[in-house]
Amino acid sequence: MASYEQKIQSWDKRYQYLLFAAEPYEVIGFKIPSTEIDKSTDKFFSYWDPDKKSYILQLYFKPRPPEINRQPAAPGTVPNGTGG
């Protein structure tokens, strides 16, 4: 679920919500980064154990392009780190 779809916290495009629903419980959500999830079969795994009533989910995020991972320059500095 996208951050703007929920009404409990203020909207933040940096996050999305992973929701789980199971009887007799209400829906539970986990706030995770809004990075795309890698759904390829070797990276995405889910399993329900009916005897233990346990659900397992393993997921990986797709790598971000390098320009997204770079920290913004601090105010008053030159982006290459020389400080001007």
PDB file of N, CA and C in Angstrom:
ATOM      1  N   MET A   1       0.849  -1.161   0.000  1.00  0.00           N
ATOM      2  CA  MET A   1       0.000   0.000   0.000  1.00  0.00           C
ATOM      3  C   MET A   1       0.899   1.230   0.000  1.00  0.00           C
ATOM      4  N   ALA A   2       0.569   2.189  -0.799  1.00  0.00           N
ATOM      5  CA  ALA A   2       1.339   3.426  -0.853  1.00  0.00           C
ATOM      6  C   ALA A   2       1.089   4.256   0.405  1.00  0.00           C
ATOM      7  N   SER A   3       2.059   5.076   0.758  1.00  0.00           N
ATOM      8  CA  SER A   3       1.973   5.892   1.964  1.00  0.00           C
ATOM      9  C   SER A   3       0.762   6.820   1.948  1.00  0.00           C
ATOM     10  N   TYR A   4       0.402   7.358   0.785  1.00  0.00           N
ATOM     11  CA  TYR A   4      -0.712   8.305   0.728  1.00  0.00           C
ATOM     12  C   TYR A   4      -2.073   7.633   0.892  1.00  0.00           C
ATOM     13  N   GLU A   5      -2.139   6.305   0.773  1.00  0.00           N
ATOM     14  CA  GLU A   5      -3.412   5.590   0.901  1.00  0.00           C
ATOM     15  C   GLU A   5      -3.830   5.364   2.352  1.00  0.00           C
ATOM     16  N   GLN A   6      -2.903   5.416   3.281  1.00  0.00           N
ATOM     17  CA  GLN A   6      -3.255   5.223   4.685  1.00  0.00           C
ATOM     18  C   GLN A   6      -3.507   6.586   5.323  1.00  0.00           C
ATOM     19  N   LYS A   7      -4.280   6.597   6.403  1.00  0.00           N
ATOM     20  CA  LYS A   7      -4.698   7.867   7.010  1.00  0.00           C
ATOM     21  C   LYS A   7      -4.210   8.043   8.447  1.00  0.00           C
ATOM     22  N   ILE A   8      -3.346   7.153   8.947  1.00  0.00           N
ATOM     23  CA  ILE A   8      -2.872   7.249  10.329  1.00  0.00           C
ATOM     24  C   ILE A   8      -1.686   8.206  10.442  1.00  0.00           C
ATOM     25  N   GLN A   9      -0.700   8.061   9.579  1.00  0.00           N
ATOM     26  CA  GLN A   9       0.477   8.925   9.586  1.00  0.00           C
ATOM     27  C   GLN A   9       0.433   9.845   8.374  1.00  0.00           C
ATOM     28  N   SER A  10       1.179  10.948   8.453  1.00  0.00           N
ATOM     29  CA  SER A  10       1.222  11.860   7.311  1.00  0.00           C
ATOM     30  C   SER A  10       1.912  11.185   6.127  1.00  0.00           C
ATOM     31  N   TRP A  11       1.540  11.593   4.937  1.00  0.00           N
ATOM     32  CA  TRP A  11       2.047  10.994   3.703  1.00  0.00           C
ATOM     33  C   TRP A  11       3.547  11.242   3.575  1.00  0.00           C
ATOM     34  N   ASP A  12       4.285  10.216   3.222  1.00  0.00           N
ATOM     35  CA  ASP A  12       5.730  10.309   3.019  1.00  0.00           C
ATOM     36  C   ASP A  12       6.095   9.377   1.872  1.00  0.00           C
ATOM     37  N   LYS A  13       6.506   9.953   0.749  1.00  0.00           N
ATOM     38  CA  LYS A  13       6.781   9.152  -0.448  1.00  0.00           C
ATOM     39  C   LYS A  13       7.968   8.205  -0.281  1.00  0.00           C
ATOM     40  N   ARG A  14       8.744   8.343   0.791  1.00  0.00           N
ATOM     41  CA  ARG A  14       9.894   7.460   1.015  1.00  0.00           C
ATOM     42  C   ARG A  14       9.483   6.078   1.519  1.00  0.00           C
ATOM     43  N   TYR A  15       8.209   5.910   1.898  1.00  0.00           N
ATOM     44  CA  TYR A  15       7.766   4.655   2.503  1.00  0.00           C
ATOM     45  C   TYR A  15       6.530   4.083   1.823  1.00  0.00           C
ATOM     46  N   GLN A  16       6.375   2.774   1.977  1.00  0.00           N
ATOM     47  CA  GLN A  16       5.168   2.058   1.576  1.00  0.00           C
ATOM     48  C   GLN A  16       4.827   1.122   2.734  1.00  0.00           C
ATOM     49  N   TYR A  17       3.665   0.508   2.670  1.00  0.00           N
ATOM     50  CA  TYR A  17       3.235  -0.361   3.763  1.00  0.00           C
ATOM     51  C   TYR A  17       3.003  -1.774   3.254  1.00  0.00           C
ATOM     52  N   LEU A  18       3.556  -2.738   3.956  1.00  0.00           N
ATOM     53  CA  LEU A  18       3.361  -4.152   3.667  1.00  0.00           C
ATOM     54  C   LEU A  18       2.282  -4.632   4.630  1.00  0.00           C
ATOM     55  N   LEU A  19       1.148  -5.100   4.088  1.00  0.00           N
ATOM     56  CA  LEU A  19      -0.006  -5.450   4.909  1.00  0.00           C
ATOM     57  C   LEU A  19      -0.228  -6.953   4.955  1.00  0.00           C
ATOM     58  N   PHE A  20      -0.612  -7.441   6.133  1.00  0.00           N
ATOM     59  CA  PHE A  20      -0.968  -8.842   6.331  1.00  0.00           C
ATOM     60  C   PHE A  20      -2.348  -8.884   6.974  1.00  0.00           C
ATOM     61  N   ALA A  21      -3.187  -9.785   6.481  1.00  0.00           N
ATOM     62  CA  ALA A  21      -4.514  -9.979   7.062  1.00  0.00           C
ATOM     63  C   ALA A  21      -4.738 -11.464   7.290  1.00  0.00           C
ATOM     64  N   ALA A  22      -5.236 -11.819   8.474  1.00  0.00           N
ATOM     65  CA  ALA A  22      -5.505 -13.223   8.788  1.00  0.00           C
ATOM     66  C   ALA A  22      -6.604 -13.293   9.842  1.00  0.00           C
ATOM     67  N   GLU A  23      -7.541 -14.179   9.640  1.00  0.00           N
ATOM     68  CA  GLU A  23      -8.616 -14.383  10.610  1.00  0.00           C
ATOM     69  C   GLU A  23      -8.029 -14.966  11.887  1.00  0.00           C
ATOM     70  N   PRO A  24      -8.435 -14.623  13.029  1.00  0.00           N
ATOM     71  CA  PRO A  24      -9.465 -13.662  13.411  1.00  0.00           C
ATOM     72  C   PRO A  24      -8.896 -12.280  13.705  1.00  0.00           C
ATOM     73  N   TYR A  25      -7.681 -11.994  13.243  1.00  0.00           N
ATOM     74  CA  TYR A  25      -7.012 -10.740  13.571  1.00  0.00           C
ATOM     75  C   TYR A  25      -7.367  -9.635  12.590  1.00  0.00           C
ATOM     76  N   GLU A  26      -7.078  -8.415  13.015  1.00  0.00           N
ATOM     77  CA  GLU A  26      -7.205  -7.287  12.107  1.00  0.00           C
ATOM     78  C   GLU A  26      -5.957  -7.233  11.232  1.00  0.00           C
ATOM     79  N   VAL A  27      -5.974  -6.348  10.282  1.00  0.00           N
ATOM     80  CA  VAL A  27      -4.836  -6.187   9.374  1.00  0.00           C
ATOM     81  C   VAL A  27      -3.678  -5.549  10.141  1.00  0.00           C
ATOM     82  N   ILE A  28      -2.478  -6.066   9.905  1.00  0.00           N
ATOM     83  CA  ILE A  28      -1.273  -5.483  10.487  1.00  0.00           C
ATOM     84  C   ILE A  28      -0.403  -4.986   9.340  1.00  0.00           C
ATOM     85  N   GLY A  29       0.215  -3.827   9.526  1.00  0.00           N
ATOM     86  CA  GLY A  29       1.043  -3.244   8.477  1.00  0.00           C
ATOM     87  C   GLY A  29       2.448  -2.961   8.967  1.00  0.00           C
ATOM     88  N   PHE A  30       3.399  -3.086   8.054  1.00  0.00           N
ATOM     89  CA  PHE A  30       4.791  -2.779   8.335  1.00  0.00           C
ATOM     90  C   PHE A  30       5.231  -1.668   7.394  1.00  0.00           C
ATOM     91  N   LYS A  31       5.836  -0.644   7.944  1.00  0.00           N
ATOM     92  CA  LYS A  31       6.329   0.486   7.162  1.00  0.00           C
ATOM     93  C   LYS A  31       7.712   0.117   6.633  1.00  0.00           C
ATOM     94  N   ILE A  32       7.845   0.089   5.312  1.00  0.00           N
ATOM     95  CA  ILE A  32       9.105  -0.304   4.678  1.00  0.00           C
ATOM     96  C   ILE A  32       9.490   0.753   3.647  1.00  0.00           C
ATOM     97  N   PRO A  33      10.750   0.802   3.225  1.00  0.00           N
ATOM     98  CA  PRO A  33      11.158   1.773   2.201  1.00  0.00           C
ATOM     99  C   PRO A  33      10.348   1.598   0.916  1.00  0.00           C
ATOM    100  N   SER A  34      10.137   2.678   0.204  1.00  0.00           N
ATOM    101  CA  SER A  34       9.343   2.617  -1.029  1.00  0.00           C
ATOM    102  C   SER A  34      10.154   2.132  -2.226  1.00  0.00           C
ATOM    103  N   THR A  35      11.252   1.481  -1.966  1.00  0.00           N
ATOM    104  CA  THR A  35      12.056   0.856  -3.012  1.00  0.00           C
ATOM    105  C   THR A  35      11.282  -0.311  -3.612  1.00  0.00           C
ATOM    106  N   GLU A  36      11.435  -0.524  -4.911  1.00  0.00           N
ATOM    107  CA  GLU A  36      10.734  -1.618  -5.579  1.00  0.00           C
ATOM    108  C   GLU A  36      11.186  -2.968  -5.025  1.00  0.00           C
ATOM    109  N   ILE A  37      10.222  -3.861  -4.828  1.00  0.00           N
ATOM    110  CA  ILE A  37      10.503  -5.197  -4.304  1.00  0.00           C
ATOM    111  C   ILE A  37      10.831  -6.133  -5.459  1.00  0.00           C
ATOM    112  N   ASP A  38      11.897  -6.908  -5.290  1.00  0.00           N
ATOM    113  CA  ASP A  38      12.303  -7.884  -6.303  1.00  0.00           C
ATOM    114  C   ASP A  38      11.442  -9.134  -6.128  1.00  0.00           C
ATOM    115  N   LYS A  39      10.553  -9.394  -7.078  1.00  0.00           N
ATOM    116  CA  LYS A  39       9.622 -10.522  -6.974  1.00  0.00           C
ATOM    117  C   LYS A  39      10.070 -11.736  -7.779  1.00  0.00           C
ATOM    118  N   SER A  40      11.325 -11.765  -8.199  1.00  0.00           N
ATOM    119  CA  SER A  40      11.819 -12.945  -8.909  1.00  0.00           C
ATOM    120  C   SER A  40      11.813 -14.140  -7.952  1.00  0.00           C
ATOM    121  N   THR A  41      11.664 -15.337  -8.506  1.00  0.00           N
ATOM    122  CA  THR A  41      11.457 -16.529  -7.682  1.00  0.00           C
ATOM    123  C   THR A  41      12.613 -16.842  -6.738  1.00  0.00           C
ATOM    124  N   ASP A  42      13.828 -16.458  -7.084  1.00  0.00           N
ATOM    125  CA  ASP A  42      14.951 -16.734  -6.187  1.00  0.00           C
ATOM    126  C   ASP A  42      15.094 -15.693  -5.077  1.00  0.00           C
ATOM    127  N   LYS A  43      14.350 -14.603  -5.156  1.00  0.00           N
ATOM    128  CA  LYS A  43      14.461 -13.531  -4.161  1.00  0.00           C
ATOM    129  C   LYS A  43      13.199 -13.360  -3.316  1.00  0.00           C
ATOM    130  N   PHE A  44      12.087 -13.893  -3.757  1.00  0.00           N
ATOM    131  CA  PHE A  44      10.807 -13.695  -3.076  1.00  0.00           C
ATOM    132  C   PHE A  44      10.299 -15.051  -2.601  1.00  0.00           C
ATOM    133  N   PHE A  45      10.102 -15.182  -1.302  1.00  0.00           N
ATOM    134  CA  PHE A  45       9.708 -16.471  -0.741  1.00  0.00           C
ATOM    135  C   PHE A  45       8.628 -16.260   0.306  1.00  0.00           C
ATOM    136  N   SER A  46       7.562 -17.041   0.220  1.00  0.00           N
ATOM    137  CA  SER A  46       6.546 -17.030   1.269  1.00  0.00           C
ATOM    138  C   SER A  46       6.124 -18.464   1.560  1.00  0.00           C
ATOM    139  N   TYR A  47       5.761 -18.693   2.820  1.00  0.00           N
ATOM    140  CA  TYR A  47       5.397 -20.046   3.236  1.00  0.00           C
ATOM    141  C   TYR A  47       4.423 -19.970   4.401  1.00  0.00           C
ATOM    142  N   TRP A  48       3.357 -20.739   4.328  1.00  0.00           N
ATOM    143  CA  TRP A  48       2.381 -20.849   5.407  1.00  0.00           C
ATOM    144  C   TRP A  48       2.483 -22.245   6.004  1.00  0.00           C
ATOM    145  N   ASP A  49       2.715 -22.331   7.313  1.00  0.00           N
ATOM    146  CA  ASP A  49       2.745 -23.609   8.024  1.00  0.00           C
ATOM    147  C   ASP A  49       1.423 -23.737   8.781  1.00  0.00           C
ATOM    148  N   PRO A  50       0.495 -24.562   8.271  1.00  0.00           N
ATOM    149  CA  PRO A  50      -0.821 -24.662   8.907  1.00  0.00           C
ATOM    150  C   PRO A  50      -0.783 -25.294  10.298  1.00  0.00           C
ATOM    151  N   ASP A  51       0.187 -26.153  10.563  1.00  0.00           N
ATOM    152  CA  ASP A  51       0.284 -26.773  11.886  1.00  0.00           C
ATOM    153  C   ASP A  51       0.725 -25.769  12.951  1.00  0.00           C
ATOM    154  N   LYS A  52       1.732 -24.992  12.628  1.00  0.00           N
ATOM    155  CA  LYS A  52       2.236 -23.984  13.570  1.00  0.00           C
ATOM    156  C   LYS A  52       1.483 -22.663  13.459  1.00  0.00           C
ATOM    157  N   LYS A  53       0.661 -22.553  12.410  1.00  0.00           N
ATOM    158  CA  LYS A  53      -0.047 -21.294  12.112  1.00  0.00           C
ATOM    159  C   LYS A  53       0.966 -20.150  12.042  1.00  0.00           C
ATOM    160  N   SER A  54       1.990 -20.394  11.247  1.00  0.00           N
ATOM    161  CA  SER A  54       3.086 -19.451  11.092  1.00  0.00           C
ATOM    162  C   SER A  54       3.261 -19.111   9.613  1.00  0.00           C
ATOM    163  N   TYR A  55       3.385 -17.816   9.324  1.00  0.00           N
ATOM    164  CA  TYR A  55       3.593 -17.360   7.955  1.00  0.00           C
ATOM    165  C   TYR A  55       4.978 -16.744   7.861  1.00  0.00           C
ATOM    166  N   ILE A  56       5.716 -17.125   6.836  1.00  0.00           N
ATOM    167  CA  ILE A  56       7.067 -16.603   6.621  1.00  0.00           C
ATOM    168  C   ILE A  56       7.093 -15.875   5.286  1.00  0.00           C
ATOM    169  N   LEU A  57       7.641 -14.685   5.295  1.00  0.00           N
ATOM    170  CA  LEU A  57       7.823 -13.916   4.064  1.00  0.00           C
ATOM    171  C   LEU A  57       9.254 -13.408   4.040  1.00  0.00           C
ATOM    172  N   GLN A  58       9.942 -13.688   2.953  1.00  0.00           N
ATOM    173  CA  GLN A  58      11.293 -13.171   2.736  1.00  0.00           C
ATOM    174  C   GLN A  58      11.257 -12.386   1.446  1.00  0.00           C
ATOM    175  N   LEU A  59      11.756 -11.170   1.486  1.00  0.00           N
ATOM    176  CA  LEU A  59      11.785 -10.365   0.269  1.00  0.00           C
ATOM    177  C   LEU A  59      13.063  -9.555   0.208  1.00  0.00           C
ATOM    178  N   TYR A  60      13.405  -9.172  -0.998  1.00  0.00           N
ATOM    179  CA  TYR A  60      14.569  -8.327  -1.253  1.00  0.00           C
ATOM    180  C   TYR A  60      14.102  -7.108  -2.026  1.00  0.00           C
ATOM    181  N   PHE A  61      14.790  -6.006  -1.816  1.00  0.00           N
ATOM    182  CA  PHE A  61      14.528  -4.809  -2.595  1.00  0.00           C
ATOM    183  C   PHE A  61      15.434  -4.806  -3.816  1.00  0.00           C
ATOM    184  N   LYS A  62      14.920  -4.274  -4.926  1.00  0.00           N
ATOM    185  CA  LYS A  62      15.758  -4.123  -6.119  1.00  0.00           C
ATOM    186  C   LYS A  62      16.798  -3.046  -5.838  1.00  0.00           C
ATOM    187  N   PRO A  63      18.003  -3.204  -6.375  1.00  0.00           N
ATOM    188  CA  PRO A  63      19.040  -2.186  -6.155  1.00  0.00           C
ATOM    189  C   PRO A  63      18.601  -0.842  -6.735  1.00  0.00           C
ATOM    190  N   ARG A  64      18.943   0.207  -6.017  1.00  0.00           N
ATOM    191  CA  ARG A  64      18.641   1.558  -6.499  1.00  0.00           C
ATOM    192  C   ARG A  64      19.771   2.025  -7.406  1.00  0.00           C
ATOM    193  N   PRO A  65      19.450   2.880  -8.376  1.00  0.00           N
ATOM    194  CA  PRO A  65      20.521   3.467  -9.195  1.00  0.00           C
ATOM    195  C   PRO A  65      21.468   4.279  -8.303  1.00  0.00           C
ATOM    196  N   PRO A  66      22.749   4.369  -8.649  1.00  0.00           N
ATOM    197  CA  PRO A  66      23.731   5.065  -7.799  1.00  0.00           C
ATOM    198  C   PRO A  66      23.350   6.495  -7.437  1.00  0.00           C
ATOM    199  N   GLU A  67      22.717   7.233  -8.338  1.00  0.00           N
ATOM    200  CA  GLU A  67      22.384   8.629  -8.038  1.00  0.00           C
ATOM    201  C   GLU A  67      21.339   8.740  -6.935  1.00  0.00           C
ATOM    202  N   ILE A  68      20.524   7.732  -6.732  1.00  0.00           N
ATOM    203  CA  ILE A  68      19.540   7.759  -5.651  1.00  0.00           C
ATOM    204  C   ILE A  68      20.217   7.470  -4.319  1.00  0.00           C
ATOM    205  N   ASN A  69      21.226   6.631  -4.313  1.00  0.00           N
ATOM    206  CA  ASN A  69      21.922   6.274  -3.080  1.00  0.00           C
ATOM    207  C   ASN A  69      22.838   7.387  -2.570  1.00  0.00           C
ATOM    208  N   ARG A  70      23.236   8.299  -3.436  1.00  0.00           N
ATOM    209  CA  ARG A  70      24.169   9.349  -3.045  1.00  0.00           C
ATOM    210  C   ARG A  70      23.498  10.334  -2.086  1.00  0.00           C
ATOM    211  N   GLN A  71      24.180  10.689  -1.013  1.00  0.00           N
ATOM    212  CA  GLN A  71      23.671  11.658  -0.053  1.00  0.00           C
ATOM    213  C   GLN A  71      23.752  13.060  -0.652  1.00  0.00           C
ATOM    214  N   PRO A  72      22.755  13.915  -0.379  1.00  0.00           N
ATOM    215  CA  PRO A  72      22.828  15.289  -0.881  1.00  0.00           C
ATOM    216  C   PRO A  72      23.977  16.042  -0.209  1.00  0.00           C
ATOM    217  N   ALA A  73      24.533  17.008  -0.915  1.00  0.00           N
ATOM    218  CA  ALA A  73      25.627  17.812  -0.374  1.00  0.00           C
ATOM    219  C   ALA A  73      25.105  18.671   0.771  1.00  0.00           C
ATOM    220  N   ALA A  74      25.925  18.850   1.780  1.00  0.00           N
ATOM    221  CA  ALA A  74      25.550  19.692   2.912  1.00  0.00           C
ATOM    222  C   ALA A  74      25.491  21.144   2.457  1.00  0.00           C
ATOM    223  N   PRO A  75      24.630  21.962   3.078  1.00  0.00           N
ATOM    224  CA  PRO A  75      24.553  23.376   2.703  1.00  0.00           C
ATOM    225  C   PRO A  75      25.914  24.055   2.834  1.00  0.00           C
ATOM    226  N   GLY A  76      26.265  24.855   1.844  1.00  0.00           N
ATOM    227  CA  GLY A  76      27.527  25.578   1.866  1.00  0.00           C
ATOM    228  C   GLY A  76      28.712  24.799   1.342  1.00  0.00           C
ATOM    229  N   THR A  77      28.483  23.600   0.811  1.00  0.00           N
ATOM    230  CA  THR A  77      29.585  22.820   0.257  1.00  0.00           C
ATOM    231  C   THR A  77      29.361  22.605  -1.224  1.00  0.00           C
ATOM    232  N   VAL A  78      30.439  22.306  -1.906  1.00  0.00           N
ATOM    233  CA  VAL A  78      30.383  21.993  -3.326  1.00  0.00           C
ATOM    234  C   VAL A  78      30.111  20.498  -3.440  1.00  0.00           C
ATOM    235  N   PRO A  79      29.246  20.052  -4.374  1.00  0.00           N
ATOM    236  CA  PRO A  79      28.896  18.632  -4.452  1.00  0.00           C
ATOM    237  C   PRO A  79      30.066  17.659  -4.533  1.00  0.00           C
ATOM    238  N   ASN A  80      31.239  18.063  -5.040  1.00  0.00           N
ATOM    239  CA  ASN A  80      32.356  17.113  -5.131  1.00  0.00           C
ATOM    240  C   ASN A  80      33.098  16.959  -3.805  1.00  0.00           C
ATOM    241  N   GLY A  81      32.657  17.674  -2.765  1.00  0.00           N
ATOM    242  CA  GLY A  81      33.213  17.493  -1.428  1.00  0.00           C
ATOM    243  C   GLY A  81      34.373  18.401  -1.080  1.00  0.00           C
ATOM    244  N   THR A  82      34.725  19.372  -1.951  1.00  0.00           N
ATOM    245  CA  THR A  82      35.874  20.230  -1.660  1.00  0.00           C
ATOM    246  C   THR A  82      35.537  21.337  -0.680  1.00  0.00           C
ATOM    247  N   GLY A  83      34.262  21.679  -0.536  1.00  0.00           N
ATOM    248  CA  GLY A  83      33.877  22.695   0.436  1.00  0.00           C
ATOM    249  C   GLY A  83      33.970  24.113  -0.077  1.00  0.00           C
ATOM    250  N   GLY A  84      34.441  24.326  -1.306  1.00  0.00           N
ATOM    251  CA  GLY A  84      34.435  25.620  -1.965  1.00  0.00           C
ATOM    252  C   GLY A  84      35.447  26.531  -1.486  1.00  0.00           C
TER     253      GLY A  84
END
